[in-house]
Amino acid sequence: MPKAEKSEKNSISENLKKGITEMLILSFLDKEDMHTYAIMNRLDELSGGVCKISYPYAVIYRLTDCKYIEEAGKRVDENRLRQFYRITPSGRAYLNDMRKEYDGFINGVNMIFRALKGE
C-alpha cells in the first residue's frame, strides 16, 4: 500500500482545526468580549501553540454574518483601538449544539479505540 503523502491541505490537524475553529472562538466569547488578536493569542497560549488559525478574520466575518457574534464596540487595548466582539443568544445556542455534537463524536471515537485495544 503506498504511503500517503502529507500535505498541509490534507493533514488531519488542518482538518480538525477547520472543524472546531468556530466552536473555540465562540467558547472564548462566551466568557468575555474579546478582539480578534486577543482570541488568537489565547488559542495559541492555551493550546501550547497547536491551535493557530491562519485566517481568523474569515471566521470572525462568517460568525458575524450568521449572527452568532456581533460587534461590541471599539476600545483601546495595548495602546491600540481594537474592535471587540461578543456572542449573541443564537451564537450561544449554536455553541451548545456544537459542544454536544463534539462530545458525542469524541466519546464514540474513544469507544472505538478502547474496543480496538481490547479494553
PDB file of N, CA and C in Angstrom:
ATOM      1  N   MET A   1       0.856  -1.177   0.000  1.00  0.00           N
ATOM      2  CA  MET A   1       0.000   0.000   0.000  1.00  0.00           C
ATOM      3  C   MET A   1       0.896   1.230   0.000  1.00  0.00           C
ATOM      4  N   PRO A   2       0.699   2.173  -0.931  1.00  0.00           N
ATOM      5  CA  PRO A   2       1.546   3.354  -0.975  1.00  0.00           C
ATOM      6  C   PRO A   2       1.306   4.248   0.235  1.00  0.00           C
ATOM      7  N   LYS A   3       2.387   4.835   0.691  1.00  0.00           N
ATOM      8  CA  LYS A   3       2.296   5.747   1.833  1.00  0.00           C
ATOM      9  C   LYS A   3       1.655   7.053   1.369  1.00  0.00           C
ATOM     10  N   ALA A   4       0.680   7.519   2.126  1.00  0.00           N
ATOM     11  CA  ALA A   4       0.007   8.774   1.789  1.00  0.00           C
ATOM     12  C   ALA A   4       0.972   9.927   2.027  1.00  0.00           C
ATOM     13  N   GLU A   5       1.044  10.806   1.053  1.00  0.00           N
ATOM     14  CA  GLU A   5       1.889  11.971   1.219  1.00  0.00           C
ATOM     15  C   GLU A   5       1.173  12.983   2.085  1.00  0.00           C
ATOM     16  N   LYS A   6       1.940  13.568   2.996  1.00  0.00           N
ATOM     17  CA  LYS A   6       1.364  14.556   3.888  1.00  0.00           C
ATOM     18  C   LYS A   6       1.457  15.936   3.246  1.00  0.00           C
ATOM     19  N   SER A   7       0.333  16.563   3.127  1.00  0.00           N
ATOM     20  CA  SER A   7       0.324  17.945   2.665  1.00  0.00           C
ATOM     21  C   SER A   7      -0.474  18.747   3.673  1.00  0.00           C
ATOM     22  N   GLU A   8      -0.171  20.022   3.760  1.00  0.00           N
ATOM     23  CA  GLU A   8      -0.874  20.855   4.728  1.00  0.00           C
ATOM     24  C   GLU A   8      -2.369  20.841   4.478  1.00  0.00           C
ATOM     25  N   LYS A   9      -2.778  20.802   3.215  1.00  0.00           N
ATOM     26  CA  LYS A   9      -4.196  20.794   2.886  1.00  0.00           C
ATOM     27  C   LYS A   9      -4.900  19.548   3.410  1.00  0.00           C
ATOM     28  N   ASN A  10      -4.219  18.426   3.394  1.00  0.00           N
ATOM     29  CA  ASN A  10      -4.856  17.162   3.737  1.00  0.00           C
ATOM     30  C   ASN A  10      -4.497  16.652   5.124  1.00  0.00           C
ATOM     31  N   SER A  11      -3.691  17.375   5.876  1.00  0.00           N
ATOM     32  CA  SER A  11      -3.280  16.863   7.179  1.00  0.00           C
ATOM     33  C   SER A  11      -4.464  16.805   8.128  1.00  0.00           C
ATOM     34  N   ILE A  12      -4.437  15.819   8.995  1.00  0.00           N
ATOM     35  CA  ILE A  12      -5.548  15.647   9.942  1.00  0.00           C
ATOM     36  C   ILE A  12      -5.655  16.851  10.864  1.00  0.00           C
ATOM     37  N   SER A  13      -4.515  17.425  11.265  1.00  0.00           N
ATOM     38  CA  SER A  13      -4.588  18.575  12.171  1.00  0.00           C
ATOM     39  C   SER A  13      -5.247  19.774  11.486  1.00  0.00           C
ATOM     40  N   GLU A  14      -4.987  19.993  10.210  1.00  0.00           N
ATOM     41  CA  GLU A  14      -5.628  21.097   9.495  1.00  0.00           C
ATOM     42  C   GLU A  14      -7.135  20.877   9.397  1.00  0.00           C
ATOM     43  N   ASN A  15      -7.545  19.652   9.103  1.00  0.00           N
ATOM     44  CA  ASN A  15      -8.977  19.365   9.012  1.00  0.00           C
ATOM     45  C   ASN A  15      -9.657  19.488  10.372  1.00  0.00           C
ATOM     46  N   LEU A  16      -8.998  19.034  11.424  1.00  0.00           N
ATOM     47  CA  LEU A  16      -9.568  19.173  12.765  1.00  0.00           C
ATOM     48  C   LEU A  16      -9.697  20.646  13.153  1.00  0.00           C
ATOM     49  N   LYS A  17      -8.667  21.428  12.866  1.00  0.00           N
ATOM     50  CA  LYS A  17      -8.710  22.857  13.191  1.00  0.00           C
ATOM     51  C   LYS A  17      -9.875  23.547  12.499  1.00  0.00           C
ATOM     52  N   LYS A  18     -10.054  23.243  11.230  1.00  0.00           N
ATOM     53  CA  LYS A  18     -11.145  23.868  10.482  1.00  0.00           C
ATOM     54  C   LYS A  18     -12.492  23.496  11.086  1.00  0.00           C
ATOM     55  N   GLY A  19     -12.597  22.262  11.541  1.00  0.00           N
ATOM     56  CA  GLY A  19     -13.868  21.784  12.070  1.00  0.00           C
ATOM     57  C   GLY A  19     -14.242  22.354  13.419  1.00  0.00           C
ATOM     58  N   ILE A  20     -13.255  22.761  14.224  1.00  0.00           N
ATOM     59  CA  ILE A  20     -13.597  23.234  15.575  1.00  0.00           C
ATOM     60  C   ILE A  20     -13.256  24.702  15.827  1.00  0.00           C
ATOM     61  N   THR A  21     -12.762  25.394  14.828  1.00  0.00           N
ATOM     62  CA  THR A  21     -12.389  26.800  14.993  1.00  0.00           C
ATOM     63  C   THR A  21     -13.556  27.642  15.489  1.00  0.00           C
ATOM     64  N   GLU A  22     -14.706  27.496  14.872  1.00  0.00           N
ATOM     65  CA  GLU A  22     -15.862  28.281  15.302  1.00  0.00           C
ATOM     66  C   GLU A  22     -16.216  27.988  16.745  1.00  0.00           C
ATOM     67  N   MET A  23     -16.166  26.711  17.123  1.00  0.00           N
ATOM     68  CA  MET A  23     -16.502  26.333  18.493  1.00  0.00           C
ATOM     69  C   MET A  23     -15.531  26.977  19.482  1.00  0.00           C
ATOM     70  N   LEU A  24     -14.253  27.003  19.154  1.00  0.00           N
ATOM     71  CA  LEU A  24     -13.259  27.596  20.046  1.00  0.00           C
ATOM     72  C   LEU A  24     -13.467  29.097  20.188  1.00  0.00           C
ATOM     73  N   ILE A  25     -13.674  29.778  19.076  1.00  0.00           N
ATOM     74  CA  ILE A  25     -13.880  31.230  19.126  1.00  0.00           C
ATOM     75  C   ILE A  25     -15.143  31.566  19.909  1.00  0.00           C
ATOM     76  N   LEU A  26     -16.224  30.853  19.646  1.00  0.00           N
ATOM     77  CA  LEU A  26     -17.457  31.098  20.394  1.00  0.00           C
ATOM     78  C   LEU A  26     -17.281  30.800  21.882  1.00  0.00           C
ATOM     79  N   SER A  27     -16.483  29.797  22.205  1.00  0.00           N
ATOM     80  CA  SER A  27     -16.230  29.463  23.612  1.00  0.00           C
ATOM     81  C   SER A  27     -15.526  30.607  24.337  1.00  0.00           C
ATOM     82  N   PHE A  28     -14.549  31.232  23.685  1.00  0.00           N
ATOM     83  CA  PHE A  28     -13.891  32.385  24.289  1.00  0.00           C
ATOM     84  C   PHE A  28     -14.865  33.535  24.473  1.00  0.00           C
ATOM     85  N   LEU A  29     -15.649  33.800  23.443  1.00  0.00           N
ATOM     86  CA  LEU A  29     -16.590  34.920  23.512  1.00  0.00           C
ATOM     87  C   LEU A  29     -17.745  34.642  24.463  1.00  0.00           C
ATOM     88  N   ASP A  30     -17.963  33.384  24.792  1.00  0.00           N
ATOM     89  CA  ASP A  30     -18.984  33.033  25.782  1.00  0.00           C
ATOM     90  C   ASP A  30     -18.540  33.466  27.183  1.00  0.00           C
ATOM     91  N   LYS A  31     -17.230  33.615  27.367  1.00  0.00           N
ATOM     92  CA  LYS A  31     -16.686  34.024  28.668  1.00  0.00           C
ATOM     93  C   LYS A  31     -16.535  35.534  28.790  1.00  0.00           C
ATOM     94  N   GLU A  32     -16.143  36.187  27.678  1.00  0.00           N
ATOM     95  CA  GLU A  32     -15.933  37.635  27.723  1.00  0.00           C
ATOM     96  C   GLU A  32     -15.857  38.194  26.300  1.00  0.00           C
ATOM     97  N   ASP A  33     -16.141  39.481  26.174  1.00  0.00           N
ATOM     98  CA  ASP A  33     -15.961  40.164  24.902  1.00  0.00           C
ATOM     99  C   ASP A  33     -14.463  40.229  24.622  1.00  0.00           C
ATOM    100  N   MET A  34     -14.083  39.990  23.373  1.00  0.00           N
ATOM    101  CA  MET A  34     -12.668  39.995  23.020  1.00  0.00           C
ATOM    102  C   MET A  34     -12.487  40.536  21.611  1.00  0.00           C
ATOM    103  N   HIS A  35     -11.263  40.967  21.314  1.00  0.00           N
ATOM    104  CA  HIS A  35     -10.912  41.341  19.947  1.00  0.00           C
ATOM    105  C   HIS A  35     -10.168  40.167  19.308  1.00  0.00           C
ATOM    106  N   THR A  36     -10.084  40.176  18.000  1.00  0.00           N
ATOM    107  CA  THR A  36      -9.544  39.043  17.252  1.00  0.00           C
ATOM    108  C   THR A  36      -8.124  38.692  17.670  1.00  0.00           C
ATOM    109  N   TYR A  37      -7.275  39.678  17.842  1.00  0.00           N
ATOM    110  CA  TYR A  37      -5.886  39.425  18.219  1.00  0.00           C
ATOM    111  C   TYR A  37      -5.807  38.719  19.578  1.00  0.00           C
ATOM    112  N   ALA A  38      -6.639  39.133  20.533  1.00  0.00           N
ATOM    113  CA  ALA A  38      -6.656  38.505  21.856  1.00  0.00           C
ATOM    114  C   ALA A  38      -7.135  37.052  21.763  1.00  0.00           C
ATOM    115  N   ILE A  39      -8.126  36.798  20.923  1.00  0.00           N
ATOM    116  CA  ILE A  39      -8.613  35.426  20.733  1.00  0.00           C
ATOM    117  C   ILE A  39      -7.492  34.553  20.188  1.00  0.00           C
ATOM    118  N   MET A  40      -6.788  35.046  19.178  1.00  0.00           N
ATOM    119  CA  MET A  40      -5.701  34.265  18.574  1.00  0.00           C
ATOM    120  C   MET A  40      -4.588  33.990  19.589  1.00  0.00           C
ATOM    121  N   ASN A  41      -4.259  34.994  20.411  1.00  0.00           N
ATOM    122  CA  ASN A  41      -3.234  34.793  21.436  1.00  0.00           C
ATOM    123  C   ASN A  41      -3.644  33.754  22.462  1.00  0.00           C
ATOM    124  N   ARG A  42      -4.901  33.805  22.894  1.00  0.00           N
ATOM    125  CA  ARG A  42      -5.387  32.824  23.891  1.00  0.00           C
ATOM    126  C   ARG A  42      -5.416  31.416  23.305  1.00  0.00           C
ATOM    127  N   LEU A  43      -5.829  31.287  22.042  1.00  0.00           N
ATOM    128  CA  LEU A  43      -5.806  29.976  21.382  1.00  0.00           C
ATOM    129  C   LEU A  43      -4.393  29.409  21.381  1.00  0.00           C
ATOM    130  N   ASP A  44      -3.447  30.239  20.993  1.00  0.00           N
ATOM    131  CA  ASP A  44      -2.052  29.823  20.926  1.00  0.00           C
ATOM    132  C   ASP A  44      -1.540  29.447  22.318  1.00  0.00           C
ATOM    133  N   GLU A  45      -1.808  30.304  23.281  1.00  0.00           N
ATOM    134  CA  GLU A  45      -1.333  30.099  24.652  1.00  0.00           C
ATOM    135  C   GLU A  45      -1.922  28.833  25.288  1.00  0.00           C
ATOM    136  N   LEU A  46      -3.219  28.692  25.230  1.00  0.00           N
ATOM    137  CA  LEU A  46      -3.881  27.576  25.910  1.00  0.00           C
ATOM    138  C   LEU A  46      -3.666  26.229  25.216  1.00  0.00           C
ATOM    139  N   SER A  47      -3.309  26.264  23.934  1.00  0.00           N
ATOM    140  CA  SER A  47      -3.099  25.003  23.209  1.00  0.00           C
ATOM    141  C   SER A  47      -1.616  24.656  23.088  1.00  0.00           C
ATOM    142  N   GLY A  48      -0.763  25.441  23.712  1.00  0.00           N
ATOM    143  CA  GLY A  48       0.666  25.190  23.589  1.00  0.00           C
ATOM    144  C   GLY A  48       1.161  25.372  22.167  1.00  0.00           C
ATOM    145  N   GLY A  49       0.519  26.262  21.419  1.00  0.00           N
ATOM    146  CA  GLY A  49       0.930  26.553  20.057  1.00  0.00           C
ATOM    147  C   GLY A  49       0.349  25.631  19.002  1.00  0.00           C
ATOM    148  N   VAL A  50      -0.494  24.690  19.416  1.00  0.00           N
ATOM    149  CA  VAL A  50      -1.066  23.729  18.465  1.00  0.00           C
ATOM    150  C   VAL A  50      -2.207  24.345  17.657  1.00  0.00           C
ATOM    151  N   CYS A  51      -3.022  25.152  18.294  1.00  0.00           N
ATOM    152  CA  CYS A  51      -4.187  25.734  17.620  1.00  0.00           C
ATOM    153  C   CYS A  51      -3.870  27.147  17.135  1.00  0.00           C
ATOM    154  N   LYS A  52      -3.569  27.244  15.873  1.00  0.00           N
ATOM    155  CA  LYS A  52      -3.336  28.541  15.243  1.00  0.00           C
ATOM    156  C   LYS A  52      -4.290  28.632  14.060  1.00  0.00           C
ATOM    157  N   ILE A  53      -4.861  29.794  13.885  1.00  0.00           N
ATOM    158  CA  ILE A  53      -5.799  29.998  12.785  1.00  0.00           C
ATOM    159  C   ILE A  53      -5.130  30.917  11.766  1.00  0.00           C
ATOM    160  N   SER A  54      -5.022  30.429  10.551  1.00  0.00           N
ATOM    161  CA  SER A  54      -4.338  31.190   9.501  1.00  0.00           C
ATOM    162  C   SER A  54      -5.106  32.443   9.087  1.00  0.00           C
ATOM    163  N   TYR A  55      -6.407  32.339   8.987  1.00  0.00           N
ATOM    164  CA  TYR A  55      -7.231  33.458   8.536  1.00  0.00           C
ATOM    165  C   TYR A  55      -8.344  33.731   9.546  1.00  0.00           C
ATOM    166  N   PRO A  56      -7.994  34.314  10.699  1.00  0.00           N
ATOM    167  CA  PRO A  56      -9.006  34.491  11.756  1.00  0.00           C
ATOM    168  C   PRO A  56     -10.154  35.402  11.351  1.00  0.00           C
ATOM    169  N   TYR A  57      -9.860  36.419  10.533  1.00  0.00           N
ATOM    170  CA  TYR A  57     -10.932  37.358  10.183  1.00  0.00           C
ATOM    171  C   TYR A  57     -12.002  36.697   9.320  1.00  0.00           C
ATOM    172  N   ALA A  58     -11.629  35.718   8.523  1.00  0.00           N
ATOM    173  CA  ALA A  58     -12.624  34.999   7.726  1.00  0.00           C
ATOM    174  C   ALA A  58     -13.633  34.310   8.647  1.00  0.00           C
ATOM    175  N   VAL A  59     -13.144  33.716   9.735  1.00  0.00           N
ATOM    176  CA  VAL A  59     -14.037  33.050  10.692  1.00  0.00           C
ATOM    177  C   VAL A  59     -14.883  34.084  11.424  1.00  0.00           C
ATOM    178  N   ILE A  60     -14.267  35.164  11.854  1.00  0.00           N
ATOM    179  CA  ILE A  60     -14.998  36.229  12.550  1.00  0.00           C
ATOM    180  C   ILE A  60     -16.105  36.791  11.660  1.00  0.00           C
ATOM    181  N   TYR A  61     -15.792  37.056  10.413  1.00  0.00           N
ATOM    182  CA  TYR A  61     -16.805  37.597   9.489  1.00  0.00           C
ATOM    183  C   TYR A  61     -17.927  36.584   9.245  1.00  0.00           C
ATOM    184  N   ARG A  62     -17.581  35.304   9.123  1.00  0.00           N
ATOM    185  CA  ARG A  62     -18.596  34.265   8.918  1.00  0.00           C
ATOM    186  C   ARG A  62     -19.525  34.182  10.131  1.00  0.00           C
ATOM    187  N   LEU A  63     -18.944  34.206  11.341  1.00  0.00           N
ATOM    188  CA  LEU A  63     -19.760  34.153  12.558  1.00  0.00           C
ATOM    189  C   LEU A  63     -20.637  35.400  12.688  1.00  0.00           C
ATOM    190  N   THR A  64     -20.116  36.538  12.256  1.00  0.00           N
ATOM    191  CA  THR A  64     -20.893  37.784  12.283  1.00  0.00           C
ATOM    192  C   THR A  64     -22.040  37.718  11.277  1.00  0.00           C
ATOM    193  N   ASP A  65     -21.741  37.242  10.068  1.00  0.00           N
ATOM    194  CA  ASP A  65     -22.780  37.119   9.043  1.00  0.00           C
ATOM    195  C   ASP A  65     -23.904  36.192   9.468  1.00  0.00           C
ATOM    196  N   CYS A  66     -23.552  35.148  10.221  1.00  0.00           N
ATOM    197  CA  CYS A  66     -24.560  34.186  10.708  1.00  0.00           C
ATOM    198  C   CYS A  66     -25.276  34.687  11.964  1.00  0.00           C
ATOM    199  N   LYS A  67     -24.873  35.857  12.444  1.00  0.00           N
ATOM    200  CA  LYS A  67     -25.453  36.473  13.649  1.00  0.00           C
ATOM    201  C   LYS A  67     -25.156  35.680  14.917  1.00  0.00           C
ATOM    202  N   TYR A  68     -24.038  34.937  14.918  1.00  0.00           N
ATOM    203  CA  TYR A  68     -23.602  34.205  16.108  1.00  0.00           C
ATOM    204  C   TYR A  68     -22.749  35.088  17.015  1.00  0.00           C
ATOM    205  N   ILE A  69     -22.125  36.110  16.427  1.00  0.00           N
ATOM    206  CA  ILE A  69     -21.409  37.114  17.199  1.00  0.00           C
ATOM    207  C   ILE A  69     -21.764  38.474  16.623  1.00  0.00           C
ATOM    208  N   GLU A  70     -21.471  39.513  17.406  1.00  0.00           N
ATOM    209  CA  GLU A  70     -21.729  40.870  16.950  1.00  0.00           C
ATOM    210  C   GLU A  70     -20.645  41.791  17.489  1.00  0.00           C
ATOM    211  N   GLU A  71     -20.512  42.924  16.851  1.00  0.00           N
ATOM    212  CA  GLU A  71     -19.550  43.900  17.319  1.00  0.00           C
ATOM    213  C   GLU A  71     -20.001  44.432  18.670  1.00  0.00           C
ATOM    214  N   ALA A  72     -19.028  44.552  19.586  1.00  0.00           N
ATOM    215  CA  ALA A  72     -19.329  45.039  20.929  1.00  0.00           C
ATOM    216  C   ALA A  72     -18.690  46.402  21.163  1.00  0.00           C
ATOM    217  N   GLY A  73     -18.279  47.043  20.100  1.00  0.00           N
ATOM    218  CA  GLY A  73     -17.696  48.371  20.204  1.00  0.00           C
ATOM    219  C   GLY A  73     -16.178  48.348  20.123  1.00  0.00           C
ATOM    220  N   LYS A  74     -15.641  49.523  19.879  1.00  0.00           N
ATOM    221  CA  LYS A  74     -14.189  49.672  19.796  1.00  0.00           C
ATOM    222  C   LYS A  74     -13.676  50.197  21.126  1.00  0.00           C
ATOM    223  N   ARG A  75     -12.543  49.631  21.543  1.00  0.00           N
ATOM    224  CA  ARG A  75     -11.906  50.051  22.782  1.00  0.00           C
ATOM    225  C   ARG A  75     -10.402  50.075  22.583  1.00  0.00           C
ATOM    226  N   VAL A  76      -9.743  50.855  23.411  1.00  0.00           N
ATOM    227  CA  VAL A  76      -8.288  50.879  23.374  1.00  0.00           C
ATOM    228  C   VAL A  76      -7.778  49.712  24.215  1.00  0.00           C
ATOM    229  N   ASP A  77      -6.902  48.908  23.602  1.00  0.00           N
ATOM    230  CA  ASP A  77      -6.265  47.786  24.275  1.00  0.00           C
ATOM    231  C   ASP A  77      -4.820  47.740  23.812  1.00  0.00           C
ATOM    232  N   GLU A  78      -3.890  47.702  24.741  1.00  0.00           N
ATOM    233  CA  GLU A  78      -2.466  47.709  24.408  1.00  0.00           C
ATOM    234  C   GLU A  78      -2.131  48.894  23.505  1.00  0.00           C
ATOM    235  N   ASN A  79      -2.659  50.051  23.862  1.00  0.00           N
ATOM    236  CA  ASN A  79      -2.423  51.303  23.133  1.00  0.00           C
ATOM    237  C   ASN A  79      -2.909  51.284  21.684  1.00  0.00           C
ATOM    238  N   ARG A  80      -3.847  50.389  21.376  1.00  0.00           N
ATOM    239  CA  ARG A  80      -4.432  50.330  20.027  1.00  0.00           C
ATOM    240  C   ARG A  80      -5.951  50.338  20.139  1.00  0.00           C
ATOM    241  N   LEU A  81      -6.578  50.928  19.163  1.00  0.00           N
ATOM    242  CA  LEU A  81      -8.027  50.891  19.096  1.00  0.00           C
ATOM    243  C   LEU A  81      -8.417  49.576  18.425  1.00  0.00           C
ATOM    244  N   ARG A  82      -9.161  48.741  19.129  1.00  0.00           N
ATOM    245  CA  ARG A  82      -9.496  47.411  18.621  1.00  0.00           C
ATOM    246  C   ARG A  82     -11.012  47.204  18.635  1.00  0.00           C
ATOM    247  N   GLN A  83     -11.482  46.417  17.651  1.00  0.00           N
ATOM    248  CA  GLN A  83     -12.900  46.050  17.569  1.00  0.00           C
ATOM    249  C   GLN A  83     -13.123  44.821  18.430  1.00  0.00           C
ATOM    250  N   PHE A  84     -13.987  44.934  19.412  1.00  0.00           N
ATOM    251  CA  PHE A  84     -14.333  43.803  20.272  1.00  0.00           C
ATOM    252  C   PHE A  84     -15.600  43.141  19.744  1.00  0.00           C
ATOM    253  N   TYR A  85     -15.730  41.852  20.033  1.00  0.00           N
ATOM    254  CA  TYR A  85     -16.888  41.056  19.622  1.00  0.00           C
ATOM    255  C   TYR A  85     -17.488  40.374  20.834  1.00  0.00           C
ATOM    256  N   ARG A  86     -18.787  40.100  20.740  1.00  0.00           N
ATOM    257  CA  ARG A  86     -19.485  39.357  21.792  1.00  0.00           C
ATOM    258  C   ARG A  86     -20.371  38.309  21.141  1.00  0.00           C
ATOM    259  N   ILE A  87     -20.650  37.270  21.894  1.00  0.00           N
ATOM    260  CA  ILE A  87     -21.525  36.206  21.416  1.00  0.00           C
ATOM    261  C   ILE A  87     -22.981  36.670  21.547  1.00  0.00           C
ATOM    262  N   THR A  88     -23.814  36.235  20.642  1.00  0.00           N
ATOM    263  CA  THR A  88     -25.241  36.559  20.679  1.00  0.00           C
ATOM    264  C   THR A  88     -26.003  35.370  21.282  1.00  0.00           C
ATOM    265  N   PRO A  89     -27.261  35.554  21.638  1.00  0.00           N
ATOM    266  CA  PRO A  89     -28.039  34.409  22.124  1.00  0.00           C
ATOM    267  C   PRO A  89     -28.083  33.256  21.114  1.00  0.00           C
ATOM    268  N   SER A  90     -28.222  33.565  19.825  1.00  0.00           N
ATOM    269  CA  SER A  90     -28.231  32.477  18.836  1.00  0.00           C
ATOM    270  C   SER A  90     -26.842  31.844  18.720  1.00  0.00           C
ATOM    271  N   GLY A  91     -25.793  32.620  18.942  1.00  0.00           N
ATOM    272  CA  GLY A  91     -24.439  32.074  18.957  1.00  0.00           C
ATOM    273  C   GLY A  91     -24.229  31.139  20.135  1.00  0.00           C
ATOM    274  N   ARG A  92     -24.803  31.488  21.263  1.00  0.00           N
ATOM    275  CA  ARG A  92     -24.697  30.638  22.460  1.00  0.00           C
ATOM    276  C   ARG A  92     -25.440  29.320  22.231  1.00  0.00           C
ATOM    277  N   ALA A  93     -26.608  29.382  21.607  1.00  0.00           N
ATOM    278  CA  ALA A  93     -27.363  28.156  21.300  1.00  0.00           C
ATOM    279  C   ALA A  93     -26.594  27.289  20.303  1.00  0.00           C
ATOM    280  N   TYR A  94     -26.006  27.911  19.293  1.00  0.00           N
ATOM    281  CA  TYR A  94     -25.193  27.196  18.307  1.00  0.00           C
ATOM    282  C   TYR A  94     -23.980  26.545  18.977  1.00  0.00           C
ATOM    283  N   LEU A  95     -23.341  27.280  19.867  1.00  0.00           N
ATOM    284  CA  LEU A  95     -22.196  26.741  20.607  1.00  0.00           C
ATOM    285  C   LEU A  95     -22.602  25.534  21.439  1.00  0.00           C
ATOM    286  N   ASN A  96     -23.721  25.620  22.129  1.00  0.00           N
ATOM    287  CA  ASN A  96     -24.187  24.480  22.935  1.00  0.00           C
ATOM    288  C   ASN A  96     -24.459  23.256  22.069  1.00  0.00           C
ATOM    289  N   ASP A  97     -25.069  23.464  20.919  1.00  0.00           N
ATOM    290  CA  ASP A  97     -25.314  22.356  19.985  1.00  0.00           C
ATOM    291  C   ASP A  97     -24.002  21.744  19.493  1.00  0.00           C
ATOM    292  N   MET A  98     -23.043  22.615  19.151  1.00  0.00           N
ATOM    293  CA  MET A  98     -21.747  22.115  18.671  1.00  0.00           C
ATOM    294  C   MET A  98     -21.024  21.324  19.750  1.00  0.00           C
ATOM    295  N   ARG A  99     -21.072  21.810  20.992  1.00  0.00           N
ATOM    296  CA  ARG A  99     -20.400  21.100  22.093  1.00  0.00           C
ATOM    297  C   ARG A  99     -21.016  19.717  22.309  1.00  0.00           C
ATOM    298  N   LYS A 100     -22.323  19.622  22.243  1.00  0.00           N
ATOM    299  CA  LYS A 100     -22.986  18.323  22.391  1.00  0.00           C
ATOM    300  C   LYS A 100     -22.576  17.370  21.279  1.00  0.00           C
ATOM    301  N   GLU A 101     -22.575  17.872  20.043  1.00  0.00           N
ATOM    302  CA  GLU A 101     -22.191  17.047  18.909  1.00  0.00           C
ATOM    303  C   GLU A 101     -20.725  16.634  19.009  1.00  0.00           C
ATOM    304  N   TYR A 102     -19.867  17.558  19.383  1.00  0.00           N
ATOM    305  CA  TYR A 102     -18.437  17.280  19.546  1.00  0.00           C
ATOM    306  C   TYR A 102     -18.215  16.227  20.628  1.00  0.00           C
ATOM    307  N   ASP A 103     -18.834  16.430  21.795  1.00  0.00           N
ATOM    308  CA  ASP A 103     -18.681  15.475  22.898  1.00  0.00           C
ATOM    309  C   ASP A 103     -19.164  14.082  22.493  1.00  0.00           C
ATOM    310  N   GLY A 104     -20.311  14.007  21.821  1.00  0.00           N
ATOM    311  CA  GLY A 104     -20.831  12.715  21.375  1.00  0.00           C
ATOM    312  C   GLY A 104     -19.897  12.034  20.393  1.00  0.00           C
ATOM    313  N   PHE A 105     -19.356  12.801  19.461  1.00  0.00           N
ATOM    314  CA  PHE A 105     -18.453  12.240  18.466  1.00  0.00           C
ATOM    315  C   PHE A 105     -17.159  11.745  19.113  1.00  0.00           C
ATOM    316  N   ILE A 106     -16.568  12.579  19.971  1.00  0.00           N
ATOM    317  CA  ILE A 106     -15.317  12.194  20.646  1.00  0.00           C
ATOM    318  C   ILE A 106     -15.539  10.968  21.524  1.00  0.00           C
ATOM    319  N   ASN A 107     -16.652  10.904  22.226  1.00  0.00           N
ATOM    320  CA  ASN A 107     -16.949   9.719  23.045  1.00  0.00           C
ATOM    321  C   ASN A 107     -17.062   8.471  22.174  1.00  0.00           C
ATOM    322  N   GLY A 108     -17.711   8.598  21.019  1.00  0.00           N
ATOM    323  CA  GLY A 108     -17.833   7.462  20.113  1.00  0.00           C
ATOM    324  C   GLY A 108     -16.485   7.008  19.579  1.00  0.00           C
ATOM    325  N   VAL A 109     -15.639   7.947  19.204  1.00  0.00           N
ATOM    326  CA  VAL A 109     -14.294   7.606  18.718  1.00  0.00           C
ATOM    327  C   VAL A 109     -13.496   6.915  19.819  1.00  0.00           C
ATOM    328  N   ASN A 110     -13.572   7.435  21.029  1.00  0.00           N
ATOM    329  CA  ASN A 110     -12.850   6.814  22.151  1.00  0.00           C
ATOM    330  C   ASN A 110     -13.357   5.403  22.437  1.00  0.00           C
ATOM    331  N   MET A 111     -14.648   5.179  22.285  1.00  0.00           N
ATOM    332  CA  MET A 111     -15.194   3.821  22.463  1.00  0.00           C
ATOM    333  C   MET A 111     -14.603   2.869  21.423  1.00  0.00           C
ATOM    334  N   ILE A 112     -14.483   3.339  20.198  1.00  0.00           N
ATOM    335  CA  ILE A 112     -13.895   2.518  19.148  1.00  0.00           C
ATOM    336  C   ILE A 112     -12.445   2.213  19.468  1.00  0.00           C
ATOM    337  N   PHE A 113     -11.668   3.204  19.865  1.00  0.00           N
ATOM    338  CA  PHE A 113     -10.259   2.980  20.203  1.00  0.00           C
ATOM    339  C   PHE A 113     -10.109   1.989  21.358  1.00  0.00           C
ATOM    340  N   ARG A 114     -10.957   2.117  22.388  1.00  0.00           N
ATOM    341  CA  ARG A 114     -10.895   1.183  23.527  1.00  0.00           C
ATOM    342  C   ARG A 114     -11.228  -0.242  23.059  1.00  0.00           C
ATOM    343  N   ALA A 115     -12.231  -0.375  22.206  1.00  0.00           N
ATOM    344  CA  ALA A 115     -12.624  -1.698  21.696  1.00  0.00           C
ATOM    345  C   ALA A 115     -11.486  -2.310  20.874  1.00  0.00           C
ATOM    346  N   LEU A 116     -10.828  -1.499  20.092  1.00  0.00           N
ATOM    347  CA  LEU A 116      -9.727  -1.994  19.270  1.00  0.00           C
ATOM    348  C   LEU A 116      -8.525  -2.390  20.114  1.00  0.00           C
ATOM    349  N   LYS A 117      -8.356  -1.771  21.275  1.00  0.00           N
ATOM    350  CA  LYS A 117      -7.271  -2.146  22.180  1.00  0.00           C
ATOM    351  C   LYS A 117      -7.625  -3.375  23.007  1.00  0.00           C
ATOM    352  N   GLY A 118      -8.885  -3.782  22.951  1.00  0.00           N
ATOM    353  CA  GLY A 118      -9.329  -4.939  23.711  1.00  0.00           C
ATOM    354  C   GLY A 118      -9.680  -4.629  25.143  1.00  0.00           C
ATOM    355  N   GLU A 119      -9.984  -3.379  25.417  1.00  0.00           N
ATOM    356  CA  GLU A 119     -10.359  -2.989  26.786  1.00  0.00           C
ATOM    357  C   GLU A 119     -11.775  -3.404  27.100  1.00  0.00           C
TER     358      GLU A 119
END
